[in-house]
């Protein structure tokens, strides 16, 4: 929180300015998607004191997770897409699937999401030779598409380098969510977007600015050497459902299903939406620290 060091980061171009979403400034936190109430809740949790104290940043992250879990609408977005073709689904058919806006809020309603023969899923949700306890899409196995049908993978297509370019599946028409057949159980549920109806957006994957918990405690290195090289990754061609593109306005907050919480950046235009990652659904830093220990 040293203003001198923060000023150096700004002047040397190591961040995009005082409101860079990685900065521990109020304007940076606001652009990242933190709300006034989440910051107030954080302050109440750590208590008031006249003495200088060091508080774990995960407490602040917990505060925003708790608030957005209750208030943020749920939407579908695929950050690293791979196409899935449902070979036994009619090519000219489009169904509208009813998706909950927020199951944490009674009366929050639903919105409609188009489903068709070609969809996108996350590339990480498919493996040809999966390890044990991989409950996502793999040849010969079934998963449920959230709000839609159960599908089974029948194969995939690869390019010359061996990268998967398309996945083929079949669907069970008797397993539509909400129907009698939806009671059939499978272990995995995946989010998705329609390949014919989705909208391309830019997603900025922000993470912690420093690679260590307390940069000030490291006296052997210049603080700039401790910057996290992965604190920003830009995904220029993420796919989102059309409903999100229609309703999103600057500073609006959403939960991307199974991924995390995101807000609309002021850089957005009607033709080019930009989303900033506020925080993931789970504390990945805590898991990483536990593994190191």
C-alpha atoms as a PDB file:
ATOM      1  CA  UNK A   1       0.000   0.000   0.000  1.00  0.00           C
ATOM      2  CA  UNK A   2       3.063   2.290  -0.071  1.00  0.00           C
ATOM      3  CA  UNK A   3       2.073   5.345  -2.112  1.00  0.00           C
ATOM      4  CA  UNK A   4       5.691   5.821  -3.190  1.00  0.00           C
ATOM      5  CA  UNK A   5       5.837   2.323  -4.636  1.00  0.00           C
ATOM      6  CA  UNK A   6       2.419   2.585  -6.223  1.00  0.00           C
ATOM      7  CA  UNK A   7       3.521   5.859  -7.852  1.00  0.00           C
ATOM      8  CA  UNK A   8       6.564   4.080  -9.273  1.00  0.00           C
ATOM      9  CA  UNK A   9       4.371   1.392 -10.783  1.00  0.00           C
ATOM     10  CA  UNK A  10       2.235   4.049 -12.487  1.00  0.00           C
ATOM     11  CA  UNK A  11       5.098   6.248 -13.692  1.00  0.00           C
ATOM     12  CA  UNK A  12       7.128   3.305 -15.013  1.00  0.00           C
ATOM     13  CA  UNK A  13       4.162   1.913 -16.923  1.00  0.00           C
ATOM     14  CA  UNK A  14       4.084  -1.361 -14.996  1.00  0.00           C
ATOM     15  CA  UNK A  15       0.333  -0.850 -14.558  1.00  0.00           C
ATOM     16  CA  UNK A  16      -2.190   1.032 -16.707  1.00  0.00           C
ATOM     17  CA  UNK A  17      -2.768   3.821 -14.184  1.00  0.00           C
ATOM     18  CA  UNK A  18      -4.170   4.491 -10.738  1.00  0.00           C
ATOM     19  CA  UNK A  19      -7.412   2.775 -11.716  1.00  0.00           C
ATOM     20  CA  UNK A  20      -5.703  -0.348 -13.069  1.00  0.00           C
ATOM     21  CA  UNK A  21      -7.873  -3.189 -11.681  1.00  0.00           C
ATOM     22  CA  UNK A  22      -4.784  -4.757 -10.086  1.00  0.00           C
ATOM     23  CA  UNK A  23      -4.045  -1.673  -7.998  1.00  0.00           C
ATOM     24  CA  UNK A  24      -5.024  -1.519  -4.281  1.00  0.00           C
ATOM     25  CA  UNK A  25      -6.706   1.841  -4.808  1.00  0.00           C
ATOM     26  CA  UNK A  26     -10.419   2.575  -4.470  1.00  0.00           C
ATOM     27  CA  UNK A  27     -10.686   3.479  -8.146  1.00  0.00           C
ATOM     28  CA  UNK A  28      -8.788   0.287  -9.055  1.00  0.00           C
ATOM     29  CA  UNK A  29     -11.026  -1.858  -6.864  1.00  0.00           C
ATOM     30  CA  UNK A  30     -14.114  -0.217  -8.354  1.00  0.00           C
ATOM     31  CA  UNK A  31     -12.970  -0.963 -11.904  1.00  0.00           C
ATOM     32  CA  UNK A  32     -12.149  -4.528 -10.837  1.00  0.00           C
ATOM     33  CA  UNK A  33     -15.772  -4.961  -9.742  1.00  0.00           C
ATOM     34  CA  UNK A  34     -15.529  -4.508  -5.965  1.00  0.00           C
ATOM     35  CA  UNK A  35     -18.579  -2.845  -4.469  1.00  0.00           C
ATOM     36  CA  UNK A  36     -18.690  -0.259  -1.648  1.00  0.00           C
ATOM     37  CA  UNK A  37     -20.584  -2.743   0.532  1.00  0.00           C
ATOM     38  CA  UNK A  38     -17.977  -5.474   0.076  1.00  0.00           C
ATOM     39  CA  UNK A  39     -15.228  -3.090   1.226  1.00  0.00           C
ATOM     40  CA  UNK A  40     -17.329  -2.024   4.221  1.00  0.00           C
ATOM     41  CA  UNK A  41     -17.919  -5.674   5.108  1.00  0.00           C
ATOM     42  CA  UNK A  42     -14.186  -6.340   4.891  1.00  0.00           C
ATOM     43  CA  UNK A  43     -13.448  -3.441   7.258  1.00  0.00           C
ATOM     44  CA  UNK A  44     -16.050  -4.681   9.733  1.00  0.00           C
ATOM     45  CA  UNK A  45     -14.602  -8.198   9.600  1.00  0.00           C
ATOM     46  CA  UNK A  46     -11.035  -7.129  10.370  1.00  0.00           C
ATOM     47  CA  UNK A  47     -12.094  -4.595  13.009  1.00  0.00           C
ATOM     48  CA  UNK A  48     -10.957  -1.049  13.728  1.00  0.00           C
ATOM     49  CA  UNK A  49      -7.565  -0.319  15.271  1.00  0.00           C
ATOM     50  CA  UNK A  50      -5.190   2.607  15.693  1.00  0.00           C
ATOM     51  CA  UNK A  51      -2.207   0.352  15.088  1.00  0.00           C
ATOM     52  CA  UNK A  52      -0.689  -0.721  11.792  1.00  0.00           C
ATOM     53  CA  UNK A  53      -1.677  -4.292  11.005  1.00  0.00           C
ATOM     54  CA  UNK A  54      -1.211  -6.790   8.193  1.00  0.00           C
ATOM     55  CA  UNK A  55      -4.409  -8.462   6.980  1.00  0.00           C
ATOM     56  CA  UNK A  56      -4.670 -11.361   4.563  1.00  0.00           C
ATOM     57  CA  UNK A  57      -6.015 -10.153   1.215  1.00  0.00           C
ATOM     58  CA  UNK A  58      -8.101 -13.319   1.017  1.00  0.00           C
ATOM     59  CA  UNK A  59     -10.412 -11.668   3.588  1.00  0.00           C
ATOM     60  CA  UNK A  60     -11.148  -8.893   1.099  1.00  0.00           C
ATOM     61  CA  UNK A  61     -11.631 -11.448  -1.670  1.00  0.00           C
ATOM     62  CA  UNK A  62     -14.015 -13.417   0.546  1.00  0.00           C
ATOM     63  CA  UNK A  63     -16.079 -10.264   1.125  1.00  0.00           C
ATOM     64  CA  UNK A  64     -16.648  -9.651  -2.589  1.00  0.00           C
ATOM     65  CA  UNK A  65     -17.346 -13.335  -3.291  1.00  0.00           C
ATOM     66  CA  UNK A  66     -20.022 -13.377  -0.607  1.00  0.00           C
ATOM     67  CA  UNK A  67     -21.775 -10.281  -1.923  1.00  0.00           C
ATOM     68  CA  UNK A  68     -21.622 -11.187  -5.614  1.00  0.00           C
ATOM     69  CA  UNK A  69     -22.770 -14.734  -4.902  1.00  0.00           C
ATOM     70  CA  UNK A  70     -25.969 -13.247  -3.533  1.00  0.00           C
ATOM     71  CA  UNK A  71     -26.436 -10.374  -6.000  1.00  0.00           C
ATOM     72  CA  UNK A  72     -24.767 -11.157  -9.348  1.00  0.00           C
ATOM     73  CA  UNK A  73     -26.900 -12.602 -12.179  1.00  0.00           C
ATOM     74  CA  UNK A  74     -25.716 -15.938 -13.601  1.00  0.00           C
ATOM     75  CA  UNK A  75     -24.801 -16.048 -17.284  1.00  0.00           C
ATOM     76  CA  UNK A  76     -22.967 -18.408 -19.632  1.00  0.00           C
ATOM     77  CA  UNK A  77     -19.560 -17.508 -21.048  1.00  0.00           C
ATOM     78  CA  UNK A  78     -16.881 -19.695 -22.632  1.00  0.00           C
ATOM     79  CA  UNK A  79     -13.391 -18.242 -22.324  1.00  0.00           C
ATOM     80  CA  UNK A  80     -11.342 -20.817 -24.245  1.00  0.00           C
ATOM     81  CA  UNK A  81     -13.857 -22.291 -26.690  1.00  0.00           C
ATOM     82  CA  UNK A  82     -13.887 -25.517 -28.645  1.00  0.00           C
ATOM     83  CA  UNK A  83     -16.807 -26.396 -30.907  1.00  0.00           C
ATOM     84  CA  UNK A  84     -19.144 -29.308 -30.186  1.00  0.00           C
ATOM     85  CA  UNK A  85     -21.391 -30.682 -32.947  1.00  0.00           C
ATOM     86  CA  UNK A  86     -24.430 -32.679 -31.764  1.00  0.00           C
ATOM     87  CA  UNK A  87     -24.705 -34.947 -34.779  1.00  0.00           C
ATOM     88  CA  UNK A  88     -28.233 -36.299 -34.158  1.00  0.00           C
ATOM     89  CA  UNK A  89     -29.770 -32.893 -33.409  1.00  0.00           C
ATOM     90  CA  UNK A  90     -31.707 -31.307 -36.333  1.00  0.00           C
ATOM     91  CA  UNK A  91     -29.573 -28.791 -38.185  1.00  0.00           C
ATOM     92  CA  UNK A  92     -32.381 -26.253 -38.590  1.00  0.00           C
ATOM     93  CA  UNK A  93     -33.770 -26.509 -35.054  1.00  0.00           C
ATOM     94  CA  UNK A  94     -33.327 -23.878 -32.328  1.00  0.00           C
ATOM     95  CA  UNK A  95     -34.733 -24.277 -28.810  1.00  0.00           C
ATOM     96  CA  UNK A  96     -34.896 -21.624 -26.123  1.00  0.00           C
ATOM     97  CA  UNK A  97     -33.683 -22.915 -22.759  1.00  0.00           C
ATOM     98  CA  UNK A  98     -34.838 -21.303 -19.510  1.00  0.00           C
ATOM     99  CA  UNK A  99     -31.877 -20.304 -17.304  1.00  0.00           C
ATOM    100  CA  UNK A 100     -32.082 -19.070 -13.713  1.00  0.00           C
ATOM    101  CA  UNK A 101     -30.927 -15.490 -13.175  1.00  0.00           C
ATOM    102  CA  UNK A 102     -29.796 -16.134  -9.600  1.00  0.00           C
ATOM    103  CA  UNK A 103     -30.772 -19.228  -7.564  1.00  0.00           C
ATOM    104  CA  UNK A 104     -29.635 -17.387  -4.406  1.00  0.00           C
ATOM    105  CA  UNK A 105     -32.414 -14.813  -4.813  1.00  0.00           C
ATOM    106  CA  UNK A 106     -36.010 -15.910  -4.640  1.00  0.00           C
ATOM    107  CA  UNK A 107     -38.036 -14.276  -7.383  1.00  0.00           C
ATOM    108  CA  UNK A 108     -35.016 -13.258  -9.498  1.00  0.00           C
ATOM    109  CA  UNK A 109     -36.631 -14.886 -12.518  1.00  0.00           C
ATOM    110  CA  UNK A 110     -35.164 -16.523 -15.600  1.00  0.00           C
ATOM    111  CA  UNK A 111     -33.928 -15.602 -19.044  1.00  0.00           C
ATOM    112  CA  UNK A 112     -33.923 -17.475 -22.354  1.00  0.00           C
ATOM    113  CA  UNK A 113     -30.815 -18.941 -23.976  1.00  0.00           C
ATOM    114  CA  UNK A 114     -30.746 -20.422 -27.515  1.00  0.00           C
ATOM    115  CA  UNK A 115     -29.647 -24.029 -28.069  1.00  0.00           C
ATOM    116  CA  UNK A 116     -28.834 -25.549 -31.454  1.00  0.00           C
ATOM    117  CA  UNK A 117     -26.780 -28.263 -33.168  1.00  0.00           C
ATOM    118  CA  UNK A 118     -23.437 -26.485 -32.721  1.00  0.00           C
ATOM    119  CA  UNK A 119     -22.295 -25.161 -29.364  1.00  0.00           C
ATOM    120  CA  UNK A 120     -19.067 -24.085 -27.656  1.00  0.00           C
ATOM    121  CA  UNK A 121     -17.731 -25.511 -24.406  1.00  0.00           C
ATOM    122  CA  UNK A 122     -14.525 -24.808 -22.493  1.00  0.00           C
ATOM    123  CA  UNK A 123     -11.518 -26.567 -24.004  1.00  0.00           C
ATOM    124  CA  UNK A 124     -10.500 -27.735 -20.524  1.00  0.00           C
ATOM    125  CA  UNK A 125     -13.837 -29.554 -20.211  1.00  0.00           C
ATOM    126  CA  UNK A 126     -12.750 -32.186 -22.758  1.00  0.00           C
ATOM    127  CA  UNK A 127      -9.994 -34.800 -22.584  1.00  0.00           C
ATOM    128  CA  UNK A 128      -9.389 -37.784 -24.853  1.00  0.00           C
ATOM    129  CA  UNK A 129      -7.487 -39.743 -22.209  1.00  0.00           C
ATOM    130  CA  UNK A 130      -8.722 -38.413 -18.880  1.00  0.00           C
ATOM    131  CA  UNK A 131      -7.336 -39.218 -15.442  1.00  0.00           C
ATOM    132  CA  UNK A 132      -9.508 -40.761 -12.765  1.00  0.00           C
ATOM    133  CA  UNK A 133     -12.269 -38.544 -11.366  1.00  0.00           C
ATOM    134  CA  UNK A 134     -12.449 -36.466 -14.560  1.00  0.00           C
ATOM    135  CA  UNK A 135     -16.212 -36.025 -14.734  1.00  0.00           C
ATOM    136  CA  UNK A 136     -16.344 -33.800 -17.782  1.00  0.00           C
ATOM    137  CA  UNK A 137     -16.553 -34.688 -21.486  1.00  0.00           C
ATOM    138  CA  UNK A 138     -14.533 -37.655 -22.758  1.00  0.00           C
ATOM    139  CA  UNK A 139     -15.132 -40.271 -25.512  1.00  0.00           C
ATOM    140  CA  UNK A 140     -17.857 -42.744 -24.603  1.00  0.00           C
ATOM    141  CA  UNK A 141     -18.991 -40.799 -21.508  1.00  0.00           C
ATOM    142  CA  UNK A 142     -22.044 -38.653 -20.823  1.00  0.00           C
ATOM    143  CA  UNK A 143     -22.401 -35.189 -19.313  1.00  0.00           C
ATOM    144  CA  UNK A 144     -25.307 -32.824 -18.879  1.00  0.00           C
ATOM    145  CA  UNK A 145     -25.324 -29.486 -20.689  1.00  0.00           C
ATOM    146  CA  UNK A 146     -26.609 -27.059 -18.064  1.00  0.00           C
ATOM    147  CA  UNK A 147     -30.282 -26.275 -18.619  1.00  0.00           C
ATOM    148  CA  UNK A 148     -30.426 -28.515 -21.706  1.00  0.00           C
ATOM    149  CA  UNK A 149     -29.760 -32.180 -22.519  1.00  0.00           C
ATOM    150  CA  UNK A 150     -27.459 -35.072 -21.649  1.00  0.00           C
ATOM    151  CA  UNK A 151     -24.902 -35.655 -24.419  1.00  0.00           C
ATOM    152  CA  UNK A 152     -22.392 -38.438 -25.101  1.00  0.00           C
ATOM    153  CA  UNK A 153     -19.051 -37.859 -26.821  1.00  0.00           C
ATOM    154  CA  UNK A 154     -18.570 -40.022 -29.917  1.00  0.00           C
ATOM    155  CA  UNK A 155     -15.290 -38.627 -31.215  1.00  0.00           C
ATOM    156  CA  UNK A 156     -13.237 -35.563 -32.101  1.00  0.00           C
ATOM    157  CA  UNK A 157     -11.401 -33.919 -34.987  1.00  0.00           C
ATOM    158  CA  UNK A 158      -7.809 -32.666 -34.755  1.00  0.00           C
ATOM    159  CA  UNK A 159      -5.557 -30.401 -36.811  1.00  0.00           C
ATOM    160  CA  UNK A 160      -2.091 -31.263 -38.140  1.00  0.00           C
ATOM    161  CA  UNK A 161      -0.506 -30.387 -34.775  1.00  0.00           C
ATOM    162  CA  UNK A 162      -2.841 -32.689 -32.867  1.00  0.00           C
ATOM    163  CA  UNK A 163      -5.020 -29.934 -31.387  1.00  0.00           C
ATOM    164  CA  UNK A 164      -8.718 -30.727 -31.025  1.00  0.00           C
ATOM    165  CA  UNK A 165     -10.723 -28.498 -33.383  1.00  0.00           C
ATOM    166  CA  UNK A 166     -14.147 -30.114 -33.029  1.00  0.00           C
ATOM    167  CA  UNK A 167     -15.910 -32.592 -30.747  1.00  0.00           C
ATOM    168  CA  UNK A 168     -18.747 -34.802 -31.934  1.00  0.00           C
ATOM    169  CA  UNK A 169     -21.587 -35.833 -29.604  1.00  0.00           C
ATOM    170  CA  UNK A 170     -25.059 -37.309 -29.652  1.00  0.00           C
ATOM    171  CA  UNK A 171     -27.876 -36.135 -27.390  1.00  0.00           C
ATOM    172  CA  UNK A 172     -30.684 -37.944 -25.588  1.00  0.00           C
ATOM    173  CA  UNK A 173     -33.912 -36.056 -26.493  1.00  0.00           C
ATOM    174  CA  UNK A 174     -35.687 -37.434 -23.419  1.00  0.00           C
ATOM    175  CA  UNK A 175     -33.359 -35.699 -20.946  1.00  0.00           C
ATOM    176  CA  UNK A 176     -34.286 -32.034 -21.355  1.00  0.00           C
ATOM    177  CA  UNK A 177     -33.893 -30.189 -18.047  1.00  0.00           C
ATOM    178  CA  UNK A 178     -37.229 -29.949 -16.272  1.00  0.00           C
ATOM    179  CA  UNK A 179     -38.714 -32.950 -18.081  1.00  0.00           C
ATOM    180  CA  UNK A 180     -39.345 -36.413 -16.611  1.00  0.00           C
ATOM    181  CA  UNK A 181     -36.172 -37.721 -18.241  1.00  0.00           C
ATOM    182  CA  UNK A 182     -34.046 -35.056 -16.590  1.00  0.00           C
ATOM    183  CA  UNK A 183     -33.982 -37.228 -13.446  1.00  0.00           C
ATOM    184  CA  UNK A 184     -31.405 -39.506 -15.078  1.00  0.00           C
ATOM    185  CA  UNK A 185     -28.146 -38.837 -13.271  1.00  0.00           C
ATOM    186  CA  UNK A 186     -24.723 -38.143 -14.760  1.00  0.00           C
ATOM    187  CA  UNK A 187     -21.660 -36.994 -12.838  1.00  0.00           C
ATOM    188  CA  UNK A 188     -20.712 -33.913 -14.852  1.00  0.00           C
ATOM    189  CA  UNK A 189     -22.545 -30.713 -15.820  1.00  0.00           C
ATOM    190  CA  UNK A 190     -20.981 -28.286 -18.313  1.00  0.00           C
ATOM    191  CA  UNK A 191     -21.825 -24.731 -19.275  1.00  0.00           C
ATOM    192  CA  UNK A 192     -22.047 -23.841 -22.960  1.00  0.00           C
ATOM    193  CA  UNK A 193     -23.133 -21.225 -25.499  1.00  0.00           C
ATOM    194  CA  UNK A 194     -24.743 -21.586 -28.904  1.00  0.00           C
ATOM    195  CA  UNK A 195     -22.137 -21.295 -31.657  1.00  0.00           C
ATOM    196  CA  UNK A 196     -24.655 -19.636 -33.982  1.00  0.00           C
ATOM    197  CA  UNK A 197     -25.967 -17.072 -31.517  1.00  0.00           C
ATOM    198  CA  UNK A 198     -23.077 -16.237 -29.169  1.00  0.00           C
ATOM    199  CA  UNK A 199     -21.260 -12.895 -29.135  1.00  0.00           C
ATOM    200  CA  UNK A 200     -17.487 -12.357 -29.105  1.00  0.00           C
ATOM    201  CA  UNK A 201     -16.185 -10.261 -26.191  1.00  0.00           C
ATOM    202  CA  UNK A 202     -12.830  -9.375 -24.668  1.00  0.00           C
ATOM    203  CA  UNK A 203     -12.105 -10.791 -21.225  1.00  0.00           C
ATOM    204  CA  UNK A 204      -9.293  -9.467 -19.051  1.00  0.00           C
ATOM    205  CA  UNK A 205      -8.205 -12.091 -16.571  1.00  0.00           C
ATOM    206  CA  UNK A 206      -6.860 -10.083 -13.630  1.00  0.00           C
ATOM    207  CA  UNK A 207      -5.056 -11.723 -10.738  1.00  0.00           C
ATOM    208  CA  UNK A 208      -3.009 -10.510  -7.783  1.00  0.00           C
ATOM    209  CA  UNK A 209      -0.439  -7.871  -8.671  1.00  0.00           C
ATOM    210  CA  UNK A 210       2.371  -9.496  -6.691  1.00  0.00           C
ATOM    211  CA  UNK A 211       3.494 -13.115  -6.702  1.00  0.00           C
ATOM    212  CA  UNK A 212       4.087 -13.097  -2.942  1.00  0.00           C
ATOM    213  CA  UNK A 213       1.693 -12.399  -0.068  1.00  0.00           C
ATOM    214  CA  UNK A 214       3.688  -9.524   1.468  1.00  0.00           C
ATOM    215  CA  UNK A 215       6.173  -7.788  -0.886  1.00  0.00           C
ATOM    216  CA  UNK A 216       7.341  -5.456   1.895  1.00  0.00           C
ATOM    217  CA  UNK A 217       8.659  -8.401   3.898  1.00  0.00           C
ATOM    218  CA  UNK A 218      11.120  -9.361   1.137  1.00  0.00           C
ATOM    219  CA  UNK A 219      14.256  -7.292   1.733  1.00  0.00           C
ATOM    220  CA  UNK A 220      16.430  -9.220  -0.743  1.00  0.00           C
ATOM    221  CA  UNK A 221      14.602  -8.172  -3.910  1.00  0.00           C
ATOM    222  CA  UNK A 222      13.418  -4.964  -5.493  1.00  0.00           C
ATOM    223  CA  UNK A 223       9.631  -4.922  -5.125  1.00  0.00           C
ATOM    224  CA  UNK A 224       9.274  -4.736  -8.903  1.00  0.00           C
ATOM    225  CA  UNK A 225      10.958  -8.139  -9.188  1.00  0.00           C
ATOM    226  CA  UNK A 226       8.099  -9.589  -7.156  1.00  0.00           C
ATOM    227  CA  UNK A 227       5.378  -8.590  -9.619  1.00  0.00           C
ATOM    228  CA  UNK A 228       3.184 -11.469 -10.733  1.00  0.00           C
ATOM    229  CA  UNK A 229       3.913 -12.058 -14.468  1.00  0.00           C
ATOM    230  CA  UNK A 230       0.445 -13.583 -14.860  1.00  0.00           C
ATOM    231  CA  UNK A 231      -1.475 -10.753 -13.205  1.00  0.00           C
ATOM    232  CA  UNK A 232      -3.182  -9.945 -16.533  1.00  0.00           C
ATOM    233  CA  UNK A 233      -4.088 -12.220 -19.402  1.00  0.00           C
ATOM    234  CA  UNK A 234      -6.261 -10.892 -22.229  1.00  0.00           C
ATOM    235  CA  UNK A 235      -8.676 -13.236 -24.014  1.00  0.00           C
ATOM    236  CA  UNK A 236      -9.852 -11.351 -27.135  1.00  0.00           C
ATOM    237  CA  UNK A 237     -12.353 -13.924 -28.441  1.00  0.00           C
ATOM    238  CA  UNK A 238     -14.331 -15.252 -25.501  1.00  0.00           C
ATOM    239  CA  UNK A 239     -17.932 -16.259 -26.292  1.00  0.00           C
ATOM    240  CA  UNK A 240     -20.968 -15.135 -24.277  1.00  0.00           C
ATOM    241  CA  UNK A 241     -24.689 -15.827 -24.582  1.00  0.00           C
ATOM    242  CA  UNK A 242     -26.688 -13.149 -26.458  1.00  0.00           C
ATOM    243  CA  UNK A 243     -28.704 -12.178 -23.360  1.00  0.00           C
ATOM    244  CA  UNK A 244     -25.541 -10.905 -21.654  1.00  0.00           C
ATOM    245  CA  UNK A 245     -24.575  -8.802 -24.672  1.00  0.00           C
ATOM    246  CA  UNK A 246     -28.033  -7.224 -24.646  1.00  0.00           C
ATOM    247  CA  UNK A 247     -28.180  -6.221 -20.967  1.00  0.00           C
ATOM    248  CA  UNK A 248     -24.545  -5.525 -19.975  1.00  0.00           C
ATOM    249  CA  UNK A 249     -23.669  -1.923 -19.043  1.00  0.00           C
ATOM    250  CA  UNK A 250     -20.475  -0.404 -17.631  1.00  0.00           C
ATOM    251  CA  UNK A 251     -19.729  -1.607 -14.075  1.00  0.00           C
ATOM    252  CA  UNK A 252     -22.480  -4.263 -14.130  1.00  0.00           C
ATOM    253  CA  UNK A 253     -21.480  -7.444 -12.299  1.00  0.00           C
ATOM    254  CA  UNK A 254     -22.157 -11.036 -13.373  1.00  0.00           C
ATOM    255  CA  UNK A 255     -21.224 -14.555 -12.426  1.00  0.00           C
ATOM    256  CA  UNK A 256     -19.862 -16.512 -15.379  1.00  0.00           C
ATOM    257  CA  UNK A 257     -21.172 -20.016 -14.649  1.00  0.00           C
ATOM    258  CA  UNK A 258     -18.468 -22.335 -13.212  1.00  0.00           C
ATOM    259  CA  UNK A 259     -15.762 -19.691 -13.758  1.00  0.00           C
ATOM    260  CA  UNK A 260     -15.991 -16.608 -11.549  1.00  0.00           C
ATOM    261  CA  UNK A 261     -17.291 -13.073 -11.127  1.00  0.00           C
ATOM    262  CA  UNK A 262     -16.826 -10.413 -13.808  1.00  0.00           C
ATOM    263  CA  UNK A 263     -17.750  -6.780 -14.343  1.00  0.00           C
ATOM    264  CA  UNK A 264     -18.157  -4.677 -17.469  1.00  0.00           C
ATOM    265  CA  UNK A 265     -15.156  -2.387 -18.016  1.00  0.00           C
ATOM    266  CA  UNK A 266     -15.711   1.284 -18.965  1.00  0.00           C
ATOM    267  CA  UNK A 267     -13.629   0.627 -22.107  1.00  0.00           C
ATOM    268  CA  UNK A 268     -16.630  -1.262 -23.493  1.00  0.00           C
ATOM    269  CA  UNK A 269     -18.584  -0.041 -26.512  1.00  0.00           C
ATOM    270  CA  UNK A 270     -21.886  -1.389 -27.890  1.00  0.00           C
ATOM    271  CA  UNK A 271     -19.907  -3.329 -30.504  1.00  0.00           C
ATOM    272  CA  UNK A 272     -17.063  -4.455 -28.246  1.00  0.00           C
ATOM    273  CA  UNK A 273     -17.787  -5.507 -24.679  1.00  0.00           C
ATOM    274  CA  UNK A 274     -14.883  -5.843 -22.237  1.00  0.00           C
ATOM    275  CA  UNK A 275     -15.164  -7.820 -19.003  1.00  0.00           C
ATOM    276  CA  UNK A 276     -12.762  -7.691 -16.061  1.00  0.00           C
ATOM    277  CA  UNK A 277     -12.375 -10.680 -13.782  1.00  0.00           C
ATOM    278  CA  UNK A 278     -13.188  -9.588 -10.251  1.00  0.00           C
ATOM    279  CA  UNK A 279     -12.472 -12.886  -8.513  1.00  0.00           C
ATOM    280  CA  UNK A 280     -12.706 -16.607  -9.172  1.00  0.00           C
ATOM    281  CA  UNK A 281     -15.374 -18.781  -7.609  1.00  0.00           C
ATOM    282  CA  UNK A 282     -12.798 -20.338  -5.287  1.00  0.00           C
ATOM    283  CA  UNK A 283      -9.576 -19.177  -3.651  1.00  0.00           C
ATOM    284  CA  UNK A 284      -6.986 -20.660  -6.014  1.00  0.00           C
ATOM    285  CA  UNK A 285      -4.145 -18.945  -4.122  1.00  0.00           C
ATOM    286  CA  UNK A 286      -5.011 -20.820  -0.953  1.00  0.00           C
ATOM    287  CA  UNK A 287      -4.813 -24.133  -2.815  1.00  0.00           C
ATOM    288  CA  UNK A 288      -1.489 -23.159  -4.343  1.00  0.00           C
ATOM    289  CA  UNK A 289      -0.061 -22.221  -0.929  1.00  0.00           C
ATOM    290  CA  UNK A 290      -1.265 -25.502   0.555  1.00  0.00           C
ATOM    291  CA  UNK A 291       0.493 -27.471  -2.188  1.00  0.00           C
ATOM    292  CA  UNK A 292       3.744 -25.587  -1.597  1.00  0.00           C
ATOM    293  CA  UNK A 293       3.569 -26.333   2.109  1.00  0.00           C
END
